[in-house]
Amino acid sequence: MAEEFERWVPLRDLALSHLARHGDSPAVYYMRDTTGEVLKYGCTRCLRTRIVGNYLGGIGGSTTQRIHHALFEKGMIDRVEIAWIETNSEAEARLKESEYRRAYKKIHGRRPAWDLMD
């Protein structure tokens, strides 16, 4: 299923120019380590806010803070890549995220490293 994610961008190099409509769209996203390890499947109603504001900017709740800490305090920012699929709605993004998580857990017997939800 993850082959649907076509364009990978190193998170440290992500710019608004990578994002259609400057990221103002719902999307399902996939974060992986440069070794290929899946770190997180997520969804959002605004990709720009989630990635730039939350994960890179550190604004948000406990999950955001945990990922922000891993990126900057543990040096993961140099090893994380991100890809996304824009969707027509947040509901569609949530559905796709759930499908990716279930498929991953079925294959690996566990959730991705940064995912707390099953």
Protein backbone atom coordinates (compact mmCIF):
# COMPACT_ATOMS: atom_id res chain seq x y z
CA MET A 1 0.00 0.00 0.00
CA ALA A 2 2.79 2.43 0.82
CA GLU A 3 3.84 2.47 -2.83
CA GLU A 4 1.05 5.03 -3.34
CA PHE A 5 3.39 7.55 -1.71
CA GLU A 6 5.51 8.63 -4.66
CA ARG A 7 7.47 11.75 -3.77
CA TRP A 8 9.76 11.66 -0.73
CA VAL A 9 11.22 14.85 0.70
CA PRO A 10 13.85 14.97 3.45
CA LEU A 11 12.05 16.70 6.32
CA ARG A 12 15.01 19.06 6.89
CA ASP A 13 14.62 20.28 3.27
CA LEU A 14 10.82 20.64 3.22
CA ALA A 15 9.66 24.00 1.86
CA LEU A 16 6.25 25.42 1.06
CA SER A 17 7.12 25.09 -2.62
CA HIS A 18 6.96 21.29 -2.19
CA LEU A 19 3.32 21.56 -1.15
CA ALA A 20 0.49 22.12 -3.60
CA ARG A 21 -1.62 25.13 -2.56
CA HIS A 22 1.14 25.79 0.01
CA GLY A 23 -0.07 22.78 1.99
CA ASP A 24 -3.54 24.14 2.64
CA SER A 25 -5.24 20.80 2.02
CA PRO A 26 -6.27 17.65 3.84
CA ALA A 27 -3.80 14.81 3.44
CA VAL A 28 -2.57 11.49 4.68
CA TYR A 29 1.18 11.43 5.27
CA TYR A 30 3.90 8.89 5.91
CA MET A 31 7.16 9.56 7.73
CA ARG A 32 10.08 7.16 7.47
CA ASP A 33 13.69 6.95 8.53
CA THR A 34 16.23 7.04 5.70
CA THR A 35 16.84 3.35 6.46
CA GLY A 36 13.26 2.74 5.31
CA GLU A 37 11.78 2.14 8.78
CA VAL A 38 8.21 3.41 8.95
CA LEU A 39 7.92 5.98 11.74
CA LYS A 40 4.40 7.35 11.40
CA TYR A 41 1.26 7.37 9.33
CA GLY A 42 -0.87 10.42 9.99
CA CYS A 43 -3.68 12.51 8.61
CA THR A 44 -4.60 16.15 8.83
CA ARG A 45 -7.04 18.72 7.51
CA CYS A 46 -4.11 21.09 6.75
CA LEU A 47 -0.77 19.52 5.82
CA ARG A 48 1.18 22.76 6.29
CA THR A 49 -0.05 23.28 9.83
CA ARG A 50 0.63 19.69 10.85
CA ILE A 51 4.14 19.43 9.47
CA VAL A 52 5.49 22.98 9.70
CA GLY A 53 3.56 24.27 12.71
CA ASN A 54 3.29 21.12 14.78
CA TYR A 55 6.22 18.81 14.10
CA LEU A 56 8.83 21.33 13.00
CA GLY A 57 7.55 24.24 15.09
CA GLY A 58 6.73 22.21 18.18
CA ILE A 59 3.29 23.75 18.67
CA GLY A 60 0.73 21.28 19.96
CA GLY A 61 0.00 18.45 22.35
CA SER A 62 1.89 15.46 23.64
CA THR A 63 2.27 13.61 20.33
CA THR A 64 3.52 16.76 18.63
CA GLN A 65 5.97 17.41 21.45
CA ARG A 66 7.23 13.81 21.39
CA ILE A 67 7.88 13.92 17.63
CA HIS A 68 9.37 17.43 17.77
CA HIS A 69 11.71 16.23 20.54
CA ALA A 70 12.79 13.20 18.49
CA LEU A 71 13.43 15.38 15.47
CA PHE A 72 15.46 18.09 17.17
CA GLU A 73 16.77 16.77 20.49
CA LYS A 74 17.62 13.31 19.21
CA GLY A 75 18.83 14.48 15.80
CA MET A 76 16.25 12.63 13.73
CA ILE A 77 15.63 15.71 11.56
CA ASP A 78 18.56 14.61 9.37
CA ARG A 79 17.16 11.09 8.93
CA VAL A 80 13.42 11.56 8.37
CA GLU A 81 11.70 11.71 5.00
CA ILE A 82 8.06 12.51 4.39
CA ALA A 83 5.58 11.80 1.62
CA TRP A 84 1.89 12.61 1.42
CA ILE A 85 -1.25 12.14 -0.58
CA GLU A 86 -3.67 15.03 -0.74
CA THR A 87 -7.28 14.04 -0.22
CA ASN A 88 -10.64 15.65 -0.87
CA SER A 89 -11.54 15.78 2.81
CA GLU A 90 -10.23 15.18 6.30
CA ALA A 91 -12.57 12.18 6.55
CA GLU A 92 -10.97 10.60 3.48
CA ALA A 93 -7.51 11.25 4.95
CA ARG A 94 -8.56 9.60 8.24
CA LEU A 95 -9.86 6.55 6.37
CA LYS A 96 -6.65 6.15 4.37
CA GLU A 97 -4.51 6.60 7.49
CA SER A 98 -6.48 3.85 9.24
CA GLU A 99 -6.01 1.52 6.25
CA TYR A 100 -2.23 2.08 6.19
CA ARG A 101 -1.92 1.50 9.94
CA ARG A 102 -3.97 -1.70 9.85
CA ALA A 103 -1.98 -3.07 6.91
CA TYR A 104 1.32 -2.23 8.61
CA LYS A 105 0.29 -3.86 11.88
CA LYS A 106 -0.98 -6.96 10.07
CA ILE A 107 2.39 -7.41 8.35
CA HIS A 108 4.70 -6.41 11.23
CA GLY A 109 2.64 -7.33 14.29
CA ARG A 110 3.14 -3.88 15.76
CA ARG A 111 2.42 -0.26 14.95
CA PRO A 112 5.03 2.11 13.46
CA ALA A 113 7.57 3.51 15.93
CA TRP A 114 6.00 6.97 16.35
CA ASP A 115 2.36 5.84 16.21
CA LEU A 116 0.54 5.48 19.50
CA MET A 117 -2.82 4.62 17.91
CA ASP A 118 -3.63 1.22 16.39
